[in-house]
Amino acid sequence: MVTASRRWGGCTRAVSAAYVAALLLLVATGCDWLRPGGPPEDATIYVSSQDVDEATLIVASDFDAVPDPGPVCDEPGIPCPEPFRLRRADTVLVDLPHTHDFKFTSAQRLYAVVFPDPSVGAWMSMRVEINGNERFNGFLEIGPEDEDGNRERLQYAYFFTELR
């Protein structure tokens, strides 16, 4: 069997030039491909469950992340530290399935948490779209509150920062 081989030097240079041109184009456009749509304008939060007909939905834009909230607490009687401190939030009891529209403020933050009645357990689903792009799609089995009032929650936090 005889095979022929040619050097691909000219082709390689053309492909390399195309990569460099594409890279320069991305830098020139400000890397918008990293954050589709730029700063957030609105969000849509979809919550549902097959197990319960209503749930508590908390939505906030005025909150802080707590630095180093500590380890996950598995010991009974030891409350787990909260990863976020809410200054102001809307808390509503909603019929499921529910769609919540959210307009971003100048803070450009969103915190959403959903959970069923404290006395019951249920599988909960939450999906979040920001500027029409899906950013979160979670599904979690949430048990009833324990004797110390602790329980899992399905939550999502979004912080927008400008790329420099």
Protein backbone atom coordinates (compact mmCIF):
# COMPACT_ATOMS: atom_id res chain seq x y z
CA MET A 1 0.00 0.00 0.00
CA VAL A 2 1.33 3.40 -0.94
CA THR A 3 0.15 6.58 0.75
CA ALA A 4 0.91 10.12 -0.20
CA SER A 5 1.48 12.85 2.31
CA ARG A 6 1.43 16.62 1.83
CA ARG A 7 2.40 19.33 4.20
CA TRP A 8 -0.52 21.24 5.64
CA GLY A 9 1.49 24.36 6.44
CA GLY A 10 -0.58 26.73 4.26
CA CYS A 11 -3.85 25.36 5.57
CA THR A 12 -2.63 25.48 9.18
CA ARG A 13 -1.67 29.15 8.79
CA ALA A 14 -5.13 29.95 7.37
CA VAL A 15 -6.87 28.16 10.25
CA SER A 16 -4.61 29.91 12.79
CA ALA A 17 -5.41 33.28 11.21
CA ALA A 18 -9.13 32.48 11.47
CA TYR A 19 -8.76 31.66 15.18
CA VAL A 20 -6.90 34.93 15.81
CA ALA A 21 -9.56 36.89 13.91
CA ALA A 22 -12.34 35.21 15.92
CA LEU A 23 -10.52 35.96 19.19
CA LEU A 24 -10.09 39.63 18.24
CA LEU A 25 -13.78 39.84 17.33
CA LEU A 26 -14.76 38.45 20.75
CA VAL A 27 -12.51 40.92 22.57
CA ALA A 28 -13.85 43.79 20.47
CA THR A 29 -17.46 42.92 21.32
CA GLY A 30 -16.77 43.04 25.06
CA CYS A 31 -17.20 39.31 25.68
CA ASP A 32 -21.01 39.52 25.52
CA TRP A 33 -21.08 35.81 24.69
CA LEU A 34 -20.10 35.15 28.34
CA ARG A 35 -23.28 36.84 29.58
CA PRO A 36 -26.01 36.67 26.96
CA GLY A 37 -28.14 39.81 26.84
CA GLY A 38 -25.97 42.01 29.06
CA PRO A 39 -27.32 43.40 32.35
CA PRO A 40 -30.51 41.71 33.54
CA GLU A 41 -33.84 43.42 32.97
CA ASP A 42 -36.32 40.81 34.15
CA ALA A 43 -36.65 37.29 35.43
CA THR A 44 -39.41 34.73 35.43
CA ILE A 45 -39.63 32.18 38.24
CA TYR A 46 -41.66 29.02 37.68
CA VAL A 47 -42.50 26.85 40.71
CA SER A 48 -44.46 23.60 40.77
CA SER A 49 -45.01 20.35 42.63
CA GLN A 50 -46.88 17.13 42.00
CA ASP A 51 -47.25 16.57 45.76
CA VAL A 52 -48.77 19.82 47.11
CA ASP A 53 -51.17 22.49 45.81
CA GLU A 54 -49.51 25.51 47.44
CA ALA A 55 -46.10 26.65 48.65
CA THR A 56 -44.33 29.63 50.18
CA LEU A 57 -42.30 31.67 47.69
CA ILE A 58 -39.80 34.27 48.90
CA VAL A 59 -38.32 36.67 46.34
CA ALA A 60 -35.79 39.41 47.15
CA SER A 61 -33.35 41.80 45.52
CA ASP A 62 -32.18 43.49 48.75
CA PHE A 63 -29.91 40.89 50.38
CA ASP A 64 -26.28 40.12 51.16
CA ALA A 65 -24.29 36.94 50.91
CA VAL A 66 -22.91 36.01 54.32
CA PRO A 67 -19.16 35.45 54.07
CA ASP A 68 -18.21 31.87 54.95
CA PRO A 69 -21.52 30.69 56.43
CA GLY A 70 -19.73 27.65 57.88
CA PRO A 71 -20.10 23.93 57.37
CA VAL A 72 -23.32 22.11 56.63
CA CYS A 73 -24.92 21.21 59.95
CA ASP A 74 -26.03 17.62 60.36
CA GLU A 75 -26.14 17.47 64.16
CA PRO A 76 -29.59 17.80 65.73
CA GLY A 77 -30.04 20.96 67.77
CA ILE A 78 -27.35 22.94 65.93
CA PRO A 79 -28.94 25.50 63.59
CA CYS A 80 -27.32 25.79 60.18
CA PRO A 81 -26.03 29.26 59.31
CA GLU A 82 -27.91 31.07 56.57
CA PRO A 83 -25.91 31.76 53.37
CA PHE A 84 -27.88 34.99 52.74
CA ARG A 85 -29.15 37.82 54.94
CA LEU A 86 -32.38 39.28 53.56
CA ARG A 87 -33.03 42.96 54.24
CA ARG A 88 -36.38 43.12 52.44
CA ALA A 89 -38.29 40.37 50.65
CA ASP A 90 -41.71 39.52 49.27
CA THR A 91 -43.09 36.39 50.91
CA VAL A 92 -46.27 34.96 49.44
CA LEU A 93 -48.29 31.77 49.65
CA VAL A 94 -48.89 30.72 46.04
CA ASP A 95 -51.11 28.16 44.35
CA LEU A 96 -49.08 25.71 42.27
CA PRO A 97 -48.06 25.74 39.53
CA HIS A 98 -47.10 29.42 39.78
CA THR A 99 -45.26 31.90 37.56
CA HIS A 100 -43.69 34.97 39.17
CA ASP A 101 -42.40 37.90 37.06
CA PHE A 102 -39.54 39.89 38.57
CA LYS A 103 -38.06 43.23 37.44
CA PHE A 104 -34.45 43.86 38.39
CA THR A 105 -33.54 46.98 40.37
CA SER A 106 -30.22 48.79 40.18
CA ALA A 107 -28.83 46.17 42.60
CA GLN A 108 -29.12 43.58 39.80
CA ARG A 109 -29.65 40.71 42.24
CA LEU A 110 -32.26 38.03 42.64
CA TYR A 111 -32.86 35.57 45.47
CA ALA A 112 -35.72 33.08 45.27
CA VAL A 113 -36.63 30.27 47.64
CA VAL A 114 -39.63 27.94 47.66
CA PHE A 115 -40.84 25.36 50.18
CA PRO A 116 -44.11 23.60 51.09
CA ASP A 117 -46.05 23.90 54.35
CA PRO A 118 -43.68 23.20 57.27
CA SER A 119 -45.63 20.13 58.38
CA VAL A 120 -45.44 18.22 55.07
CA GLY A 121 -42.78 16.95 52.74
CA ALA A 122 -42.94 17.33 48.96
CA TRP A 123 -40.93 17.25 45.77
CA MET A 124 -40.59 20.86 44.57
CA SER A 125 -39.45 22.23 41.22
CA MET A 126 -38.16 25.73 40.46
CA ARG A 127 -36.97 27.09 37.13
CA VAL A 128 -35.56 30.61 36.66
CA GLU A 129 -35.16 32.47 33.37
CA ILE A 130 -33.24 35.74 33.23
CA ASN A 131 -33.80 37.92 30.16
CA GLY A 132 -35.45 34.86 28.60
CA ASN A 133 -32.43 32.56 29.16
CA GLU A 134 -32.78 29.60 31.52
CA ARG A 135 -30.31 30.01 34.40
CA PHE A 136 -31.61 27.49 36.93
CA ASN A 137 -33.71 24.34 36.83
CA GLY A 138 -33.87 22.59 40.20
CA PHE A 139 -35.85 19.68 41.62
CA LEU A 140 -35.60 18.75 45.31
CA GLU A 141 -37.41 16.55 47.82
CA ILE A 142 -38.08 18.77 50.84
CA GLY A 143 -38.96 17.06 54.09
CA PRO A 144 -41.09 18.50 56.90
CA GLU A 145 -39.45 20.76 59.49
CA ASP A 146 -37.57 18.94 62.23
CA GLU A 147 -38.16 19.59 65.95
CA ASP A 148 -35.74 22.56 65.81
CA GLY A 149 -37.54 24.22 62.88
CA ASN A 150 -34.85 23.37 60.31
CA ARG A 151 -35.60 22.10 56.82
CA GLU A 152 -34.28 22.05 53.30
CA ARG A 153 -35.40 24.65 50.78
CA LEU A 154 -35.09 24.96 47.04
CA GLN A 155 -33.26 28.24 46.48
CA TYR A 156 -31.47 30.23 43.80
CA ALA A 157 -29.32 33.36 44.04
CA TYR A 158 -28.14 35.54 41.15
CA PHE A 159 -25.63 38.39 41.26
CA PHE A 160 -24.80 40.35 38.08
CA THR A 161 -21.37 41.93 37.82
CA GLU A 162 -19.88 43.81 34.88
CA LEU A 163 -16.90 42.17 33.20
CA ARG A 164 -13.93 44.50 33.05
